[in-house]
């Protein structure tokens, strides 16, 4: 099949598609605008161009929102007699009339964001269905974004807490939702959840459940100049590992110790094998799963001291491909860590990524060179590492301010 291109600026446009049986299918194509947003990785860090004129600049992706509607009208591709030509003329006139009516309907539909349908879809159920079908990594954040939106509706729009239709979703509501996220989440949480919520809305637009995108032009503030997550001091790390409790998971203790003492992300820890360890030269070398698909500098080499080698342990002769750490699911690891932190008496919101942050700030606090720290963390540029420098400066400032006032 081949598509016959129509360059008209009508919305919707009347389009034609040549079928294999010699007929031409007529359909309408709606265009609901486009949205540009930065390309971010799973941790909310910007993805940069690695080479060429754009090297060092942030990548952006543009998404166009369209919908097709089949008219079930067909033309004869090669009319050979007056009957076929008259059929084509009448069919084309009918299709143009339908297009004009649809365009007028779209223009007059100011309050709603849906094309006319027989039933009204509950967007809460619609979003939930999409989130449930997402891959594991996305599902957790998508479900979290939807939960935030439901909690927001209960607080600000209780009438829609159980059901909300497309005609009720508008820019004013989205702006309030962003404010709600900012008020209820620290650091990059608001931006992360809003970005995932926009995925739900964009999906509804793509499928025709929304004819306009209420999120367009509304952004959540991205906190990238300070370290917003809690970090553990060296004393708190010792306090944590001195804490034991019944039913603790020794593999989780080993893995989190590895994170705090090497800065390796949990997603990389679970893939480490004994083949990544050079015992004779006391080195660990691996490629970061976060960046290996879009960066040529994804490799990281970390020197191993006696402490780290003790955590890793010795391998058997035939254990080259065996995993070093055997951890439960990400959710179970997070729950176990939070329970462990609470039992230790540390009043902070600690996640697995906080171990990486704690490693970086500890090194910089002890006078390590920022370039060295950047290499150990596997950062592509110093821009990402500078966040930790500002965090260390803030800790120093807090320490000075904690000193008592002296009257001379």
Protein backbone atom coordinates (compact mmCIF):
# COMPACT_ATOMS: atom_id res chain seq x y z
CA UNK A 1 0.00 0.00 0.00
CA UNK A 2 1.17 3.53 -0.72
CA UNK A 3 0.06 6.81 0.86
CA UNK A 4 -0.86 9.75 -1.36
CA UNK A 5 0.56 12.82 0.43
CA UNK A 6 -1.72 15.79 1.05
CA UNK A 7 0.12 19.03 1.98
CA UNK A 8 -3.06 20.93 2.88
CA UNK A 9 -3.18 22.90 6.14
CA UNK A 10 -6.73 21.76 6.88
CA UNK A 11 -7.34 20.14 10.26
CA UNK A 12 -8.43 17.46 9.89
CA UNK A 13 -6.91 16.78 6.50
CA UNK A 14 -8.52 14.52 3.95
CA UNK A 15 -5.96 11.86 3.11
CA UNK A 16 -5.83 9.05 0.57
CA UNK A 17 -4.16 5.67 0.75
CA UNK A 18 -3.70 3.45 -2.31
CA UNK A 19 -4.68 -0.14 -1.53
CA UNK A 20 -3.35 -3.32 -3.07
CA UNK A 21 -6.71 -4.10 -4.71
CA UNK A 22 -6.58 -0.92 -6.79
CA UNK A 23 -8.94 1.16 -4.66
CA UNK A 24 -8.12 4.37 -2.82
CA UNK A 25 -9.17 4.54 0.82
CA UNK A 26 -10.18 7.94 2.18
CA UNK A 27 -9.51 8.92 5.80
CA UNK A 28 -9.10 11.98 8.00
CA UNK A 29 -5.92 12.87 9.85
CA UNK A 30 -6.17 15.17 12.88
CA UNK A 31 -3.18 17.11 14.18
CA UNK A 32 -3.14 18.23 17.83
CA UNK A 33 0.24 19.95 17.97
CA UNK A 34 3.66 18.91 19.18
CA UNK A 35 5.61 18.89 22.41
CA UNK A 36 9.34 19.27 22.93
CA UNK A 37 11.01 17.95 26.07
CA UNK A 38 14.56 17.14 27.12
CA UNK A 39 15.80 13.55 26.86
CA UNK A 40 16.47 12.32 30.41
CA UNK A 41 17.72 9.01 31.71
CA UNK A 42 16.00 6.96 34.41
CA UNK A 43 17.56 9.07 37.17
CA UNK A 44 16.44 12.37 35.70
CA UNK A 45 19.87 13.39 34.39
CA UNK A 46 20.05 14.99 30.92
CA UNK A 47 21.38 12.98 27.98
CA UNK A 48 24.00 14.91 26.00
CA UNK A 49 25.25 14.61 22.44
CA UNK A 50 28.55 12.74 22.43
CA UNK A 51 30.03 13.94 19.14
CA UNK A 52 29.62 16.33 16.21
CA UNK A 53 28.60 19.99 16.29
CA UNK A 54 26.06 19.29 19.03
CA UNK A 55 28.59 17.68 21.40
CA UNK A 56 27.95 18.64 24.99
CA UNK A 57 24.47 20.02 24.30
CA UNK A 58 21.37 18.44 25.74
CA UNK A 59 19.22 16.20 23.56
CA UNK A 60 15.55 17.02 23.04
CA UNK A 61 12.78 14.91 21.58
CA UNK A 62 9.76 16.23 19.72
CA UNK A 63 6.50 14.35 19.78
CA UNK A 64 3.67 15.08 17.34
CA UNK A 65 0.12 14.22 18.32
CA UNK A 66 -2.09 12.91 15.51
CA UNK A 67 -5.19 10.77 15.11
CA UNK A 68 -6.56 8.99 12.05
CA UNK A 69 -10.23 8.34 11.35
CA UNK A 70 -11.24 5.95 8.58
CA UNK A 71 -14.23 7.18 6.54
CA UNK A 72 -14.97 3.80 4.91
CA UNK A 73 -15.17 5.59 1.57
CA UNK A 74 -13.26 4.37 -1.48
CA UNK A 75 -12.31 5.74 -4.88
CA UNK A 76 -11.51 3.81 -8.01
CA UNK A 77 -7.78 4.33 -8.56
CA UNK A 78 -7.96 4.19 -12.34
CA UNK A 79 -11.49 5.07 -13.50
CA UNK A 80 -12.01 3.74 -17.01
CA UNK A 81 -15.64 4.66 -17.67
CA UNK A 82 -18.21 7.40 -16.87
CA UNK A 83 -19.72 5.34 -14.01
CA UNK A 84 -16.40 5.08 -12.17
CA UNK A 85 -15.66 8.76 -12.71
CA UNK A 86 -19.11 9.78 -11.43
CA UNK A 87 -18.65 7.47 -8.43
CA UNK A 88 -15.31 9.10 -7.62
CA UNK A 89 -16.78 12.58 -7.94
CA UNK A 90 -19.71 11.91 -5.61
CA UNK A 91 -17.58 10.01 -3.07
CA UNK A 92 -14.98 12.76 -2.97
CA UNK A 93 -17.66 15.42 -2.48
CA UNK A 94 -19.11 13.43 0.42
CA UNK A 95 -15.67 13.01 2.00
CA UNK A 96 -14.97 16.75 1.74
CA UNK A 97 -18.33 17.54 3.34
CA UNK A 98 -17.56 15.19 6.22
CA UNK A 99 -14.13 16.78 6.63
CA UNK A 100 -15.63 20.27 6.85
CA UNK A 101 -18.17 19.13 9.45
CA UNK A 102 -15.44 17.49 11.52
CA UNK A 103 -13.30 20.62 11.33
CA UNK A 104 -16.19 22.76 12.54
CA UNK A 105 -16.90 20.28 15.33
CA UNK A 106 -13.24 20.46 16.39
CA UNK A 107 -13.25 24.26 16.43
CA UNK A 108 -16.46 24.45 18.45
CA UNK A 109 -15.31 21.88 21.00
CA UNK A 110 -13.74 24.47 23.31
CA UNK A 111 -14.50 22.91 26.67
CA UNK A 112 -13.66 19.30 25.93
CA UNK A 113 -10.53 17.54 24.76
CA UNK A 114 -12.24 14.58 23.11
CA UNK A 115 -13.69 13.88 19.73
CA UNK A 116 -17.34 12.90 19.93
CA UNK A 117 -17.74 9.35 21.18
CA UNK A 118 -20.65 7.23 22.33
CA UNK A 119 -19.30 6.80 25.86
CA UNK A 120 -17.27 8.89 28.29
CA UNK A 121 -14.02 7.26 29.36
CA UNK A 122 -12.83 7.46 32.96
CA UNK A 123 -9.28 8.69 32.52
CA UNK A 124 -8.24 7.29 35.91
CA UNK A 125 -9.02 3.75 34.71
CA UNK A 126 -7.56 4.54 31.29
CA UNK A 127 -4.27 5.74 32.79
CA UNK A 128 -4.15 2.77 35.16
CA UNK A 129 -4.48 0.33 32.27
CA UNK A 130 -1.60 1.99 30.43
CA UNK A 131 0.60 2.00 33.55
CA UNK A 132 -0.09 -1.68 34.23
CA UNK A 133 1.15 -2.59 30.75
CA UNK A 134 4.40 -0.63 30.98
CA UNK A 135 7.77 -2.30 31.52
CA UNK A 136 8.87 -2.90 35.10
CA UNK A 137 11.08 0.19 35.52
CA UNK A 138 8.52 2.57 34.03
CA UNK A 139 5.59 0.91 35.77
CA UNK A 140 6.75 1.85 39.26
CA UNK A 141 7.09 5.56 38.45
CA UNK A 142 3.97 5.67 36.25
CA UNK A 143 1.90 4.12 39.02
CA UNK A 144 3.47 6.59 41.45
CA UNK A 145 2.58 9.51 39.17
CA UNK A 146 -1.01 8.30 38.87
CA UNK A 147 -1.27 7.86 42.65
CA UNK A 148 -0.08 11.43 43.12
CA UNK A 149 -2.72 12.64 40.67
CA UNK A 150 -5.46 10.69 42.48
CA UNK A 151 -4.35 12.09 45.84
CA UNK A 152 -4.32 15.56 44.30
CA UNK A 153 -7.89 15.14 43.03
CA UNK A 154 -9.08 13.98 46.46
CA UNK A 155 -7.62 17.12 47.98
CA UNK A 156 -8.40 19.76 45.33
CA UNK A 157 -11.19 18.28 43.19
CA UNK A 158 -13.01 15.66 45.30
CA UNK A 159 -15.87 15.55 42.80
CA UNK A 160 -13.47 13.91 40.32
CA UNK A 161 -11.66 11.65 42.80
CA UNK A 162 -13.28 8.49 41.39
CA UNK A 163 -13.94 9.51 37.81
CA UNK A 164 -12.64 12.26 35.57
CA UNK A 165 -13.38 12.69 31.87
CA UNK A 166 -11.34 14.45 29.24
CA UNK A 167 -13.57 17.51 29.23
CA UNK A 168 -12.70 18.12 32.89
CA UNK A 169 -8.94 18.03 32.39
CA UNK A 170 -7.68 21.56 31.68
CA UNK A 171 -4.56 23.67 32.02
CA UNK A 172 -5.65 25.26 35.29
CA UNK A 173 -5.99 21.81 36.88
CA UNK A 174 -2.60 20.69 35.54
CA UNK A 175 -0.89 23.83 36.87
CA UNK A 176 -2.36 23.15 40.32
CA UNK A 177 -1.21 19.54 40.08
CA UNK A 178 2.36 20.70 39.43
CA UNK A 179 2.18 22.95 42.49
CA UNK A 180 0.92 19.97 44.50
CA UNK A 181 3.88 17.85 43.37
CA UNK A 182 6.36 20.60 44.26
CA UNK A 183 4.82 20.97 47.72
CA UNK A 184 4.86 17.23 48.42
CA UNK A 185 8.19 16.07 46.97
CA UNK A 186 11.80 16.98 47.53
CA UNK A 187 14.41 17.54 44.85
CA UNK A 188 13.69 16.02 41.46
CA UNK A 189 10.63 14.11 42.65
CA UNK A 190 8.14 16.67 41.35
CA UNK A 191 9.75 16.87 37.91
CA UNK A 192 10.08 13.08 37.67
CA UNK A 193 6.46 12.35 38.56
CA UNK A 194 5.14 15.13 36.31
CA UNK A 195 7.20 13.85 33.37
CA UNK A 196 5.65 10.39 33.82
CA UNK A 197 2.17 11.89 34.21
CA UNK A 198 2.65 13.64 30.86
CA UNK A 199 3.34 10.22 29.33
CA UNK A 200 -0.11 9.12 30.47
CA UNK A 201 -1.71 12.24 29.02
CA UNK A 202 0.24 11.97 25.75
CA UNK A 203 -0.92 8.39 25.35
CA UNK A 204 -4.53 9.50 25.75
CA UNK A 205 -3.96 12.18 23.10
CA UNK A 206 -2.38 9.69 20.71
CA UNK A 207 -5.34 7.32 21.13
CA UNK A 208 -7.90 10.08 20.58
CA UNK A 209 -9.25 10.15 24.13
CA UNK A 210 -8.01 13.73 24.42
CA UNK A 211 -8.06 16.09 21.45
CA UNK A 212 -5.87 18.74 23.11
CA UNK A 213 -2.92 18.29 25.43
CA UNK A 214 -3.63 20.14 28.71
CA UNK A 215 0.00 19.68 29.80
CA UNK A 216 1.36 21.65 26.85
CA UNK A 217 3.26 24.72 28.03
CA UNK A 218 3.21 23.69 31.69
CA UNK A 219 6.48 22.50 33.21
CA UNK A 220 7.65 21.34 36.60
CA UNK A 221 10.78 22.95 38.05
CA UNK A 222 13.86 20.77 37.62
CA UNK A 223 16.20 20.92 40.59
CA UNK A 224 19.65 20.31 39.12
CA UNK A 225 21.78 22.87 40.96
CA UNK A 226 21.64 21.33 44.44
CA UNK A 227 21.73 17.85 45.90
CA UNK A 228 18.18 17.47 47.19
CA UNK A 229 18.37 13.87 48.43
CA UNK A 230 19.44 13.05 51.96
CA UNK A 231 22.99 11.80 52.41
CA UNK A 232 24.68 9.76 55.10
CA UNK A 233 27.69 11.13 56.94
CA UNK A 234 30.60 8.80 57.62
CA UNK A 235 29.43 8.53 61.23
CA UNK A 236 25.91 7.63 60.11
CA UNK A 237 27.25 4.97 57.73
CA UNK A 238 29.08 3.37 60.67
CA UNK A 239 25.94 3.69 62.79
CA UNK A 240 23.88 1.99 60.10
CA UNK A 241 26.20 -0.98 59.70
CA UNK A 242 26.48 -1.42 63.45
CA UNK A 243 22.72 -1.97 63.50
CA UNK A 244 21.46 -5.55 63.25
CA UNK A 245 17.97 -6.93 63.54
CA UNK A 246 16.19 -10.25 63.26
CA UNK A 247 15.44 -11.26 59.66
CA UNK A 248 17.95 -8.89 58.04
CA UNK A 249 19.18 -9.79 54.57
CA UNK A 250 23.00 -10.13 54.49
CA UNK A 251 23.06 -9.69 50.70
CA UNK A 252 21.35 -6.32 51.01
CA UNK A 253 23.89 -5.28 53.66
CA UNK A 254 26.79 -6.31 51.38
CA UNK A 255 25.33 -4.56 48.34
CA UNK A 256 24.55 -1.30 50.14
CA UNK A 257 28.03 -1.30 51.66
CA UNK A 258 29.38 -1.61 48.11
CA UNK A 259 27.30 1.39 47.06
CA UNK A 260 28.42 3.55 49.99
CA UNK A 261 32.11 2.68 49.55
CA UNK A 262 32.35 2.73 45.74
CA UNK A 263 29.43 4.84 44.48
CA UNK A 264 28.15 2.09 42.20
CA UNK A 265 24.43 2.28 41.40
CA UNK A 266 22.17 -0.56 42.46
CA UNK A 267 21.26 -1.28 38.81
CA UNK A 268 24.97 -1.96 38.14
CA UNK A 269 25.60 -3.86 41.37
CA UNK A 270 23.03 -6.52 40.47
CA UNK A 271 24.86 -7.22 37.18
CA UNK A 272 28.43 -7.42 38.55
CA UNK A 273 30.13 -10.78 38.07
CA UNK A 274 33.39 -12.17 39.41
CA UNK A 275 34.74 -11.81 35.88
CA UNK A 276 34.63 -8.03 36.38
CA UNK A 277 37.22 -8.29 39.18
CA UNK A 278 40.95 -8.18 38.49
CA UNK A 279 42.20 -9.61 41.77
CA UNK A 280 45.90 -9.35 40.91
CA UNK A 281 45.70 -5.62 40.13
CA UNK A 282 42.90 -4.98 42.64
CA UNK A 283 40.57 -3.39 40.09
CA UNK A 284 36.86 -3.58 39.28
CA UNK A 285 35.88 -2.72 35.71
CA UNK A 286 32.35 -2.64 34.29
CA UNK A 287 30.07 -0.73 31.93
CA UNK A 288 27.26 1.34 33.39
CA UNK A 289 23.88 0.06 32.30
CA UNK A 290 22.52 3.60 32.55
CA UNK A 291 24.79 5.08 29.85
CA UNK A 292 26.20 2.23 27.77
CA UNK A 293 23.55 2.62 25.06
CA UNK A 294 24.15 6.30 24.38
CA UNK A 295 27.70 7.00 25.55
CA UNK A 296 31.12 5.81 24.46
CA UNK A 297 32.42 6.62 27.97
CA UNK A 298 30.22 4.21 29.90
CA UNK A 299 33.14 2.16 31.24
CA UNK A 300 34.18 2.62 34.88
CA UNK A 301 37.27 1.31 36.68
CA UNK A 302 37.41 1.38 40.47
CA UNK A 303 40.48 0.49 42.56
CA UNK A 304 39.68 -2.02 45.31
CA UNK A 305 41.03 -1.72 48.83
CA UNK A 306 40.95 -4.48 51.44
CA UNK A 307 37.52 -3.39 52.64
CA UNK A 308 35.93 -3.62 49.20
CA UNK A 309 37.68 -6.91 48.41
CA UNK A 310 36.32 -8.27 51.69
CA UNK A 311 32.78 -7.27 50.67
CA UNK A 312 33.17 -8.86 47.23
CA UNK A 313 34.77 -12.05 48.51
CA UNK A 314 36.84 -14.60 46.65
CA UNK A 315 35.61 -16.41 43.58
CA UNK A 316 35.74 -20.11 42.88
CA UNK A 317 37.83 -21.28 39.95
CA UNK A 318 34.81 -21.68 37.69
CA UNK A 319 32.78 -18.74 39.02
CA UNK A 320 33.78 -16.12 36.43
CA UNK A 321 30.21 -15.62 35.19
CA UNK A 322 28.56 -15.88 38.60
CA UNK A 323 26.89 -12.77 40.02
CA UNK A 324 28.63 -11.26 43.04
CA UNK A 325 25.42 -10.10 44.68
CA UNK A 326 22.07 -11.92 44.73
CA UNK A 327 19.40 -9.37 45.58
CA UNK A 328 15.59 -9.49 45.70
CA UNK A 329 13.44 -7.12 43.64
CA UNK A 330 14.07 -3.38 43.64
CA UNK A 331 10.93 -2.82 45.70
CA UNK A 332 11.96 -5.36 48.32
CA UNK A 333 15.47 -3.89 48.49
CA UNK A 334 14.05 -0.41 49.10
CA UNK A 335 11.65 -1.63 51.79
CA UNK A 336 14.45 -3.52 53.56
CA UNK A 337 16.75 -0.48 53.43
CA UNK A 338 14.10 1.84 54.87
CA UNK A 339 13.37 -0.63 57.68
CA UNK A 340 17.10 -0.94 58.38
CA UNK A 341 17.59 2.86 58.49
CA UNK A 342 14.63 3.27 60.82
CA UNK A 343 15.97 0.57 63.18
CA UNK A 344 19.34 2.36 63.24
CA UNK A 345 17.72 5.54 64.55
CA UNK A 346 18.73 7.66 61.53
CA UNK A 347 15.94 10.14 60.80
CA UNK A 348 16.50 10.57 57.07
CA UNK A 349 14.76 9.47 53.87
CA UNK A 350 17.44 7.13 52.54
CA UNK A 351 17.18 5.33 49.20
CA UNK A 352 19.77 3.20 47.42
CA UNK A 353 20.89 6.16 45.34
CA UNK A 354 21.61 8.06 48.58
CA UNK A 355 24.50 5.63 49.11
CA UNK A 356 26.05 6.88 45.85
CA UNK A 357 25.51 10.49 46.90
CA UNK A 358 27.04 9.79 50.31
CA UNK A 359 30.13 8.28 48.66
CA UNK A 360 30.66 11.34 46.45
CA UNK A 361 30.19 13.93 49.20
CA UNK A 362 32.45 11.99 51.57
CA UNK A 363 35.29 11.96 49.02
CA UNK A 364 34.94 15.67 48.28
CA UNK A 365 34.70 16.54 51.98
CA UNK A 366 38.00 14.75 52.50
CA UNK A 367 39.67 16.84 49.79
CA UNK A 368 39.45 14.51 46.76
CA UNK A 369 39.86 16.15 43.34
CA UNK A 370 36.53 16.69 41.55
CA UNK A 371 37.91 15.10 38.36
CA UNK A 372 38.85 11.95 40.29
CA UNK A 373 35.40 11.78 41.87
CA UNK A 374 33.77 12.32 38.47
CA UNK A 375 35.73 9.40 36.99
CA UNK A 376 34.86 7.11 39.89
CA UNK A 377 31.17 7.95 39.49
CA UNK A 378 31.31 7.44 35.72
CA UNK A 379 30.00 10.93 34.92
CA UNK A 380 30.39 12.06 31.31
CA UNK A 381 31.04 15.68 32.32
CA UNK A 382 31.96 17.58 35.48
CA UNK A 383 28.55 19.28 35.33
CA UNK A 384 26.93 16.36 37.13
CA UNK A 385 29.68 16.11 39.75
CA UNK A 386 29.49 19.83 40.59
CA UNK A 387 26.17 19.17 42.34
CA UNK A 388 28.12 17.31 45.02
CA UNK A 389 30.61 20.15 45.33
CA UNK A 390 27.75 22.54 46.13
CA UNK A 391 26.37 20.01 48.63
CA UNK A 392 29.75 19.87 50.40
CA UNK A 393 29.89 23.67 50.50
CA UNK A 394 26.43 23.69 52.08
CA UNK A 395 27.56 21.18 54.72
CA UNK A 396 30.57 23.36 55.53
CA UNK A 397 28.33 26.40 55.82
CA UNK A 398 25.95 24.55 58.15
CA UNK A 399 28.89 23.44 60.28
CA UNK A 400 30.14 27.01 60.65
CA UNK A 401 26.67 28.30 61.43
CA UNK A 402 26.23 25.67 64.14
CA UNK A 403 29.05 27.23 66.20
CA UNK A 404 27.89 29.27 69.23
CA UNK A 405 27.83 33.05 69.19
CA UNK A 406 30.60 34.66 71.29
CA UNK A 407 30.25 38.09 72.78
CA UNK A 408 33.58 39.96 73.03
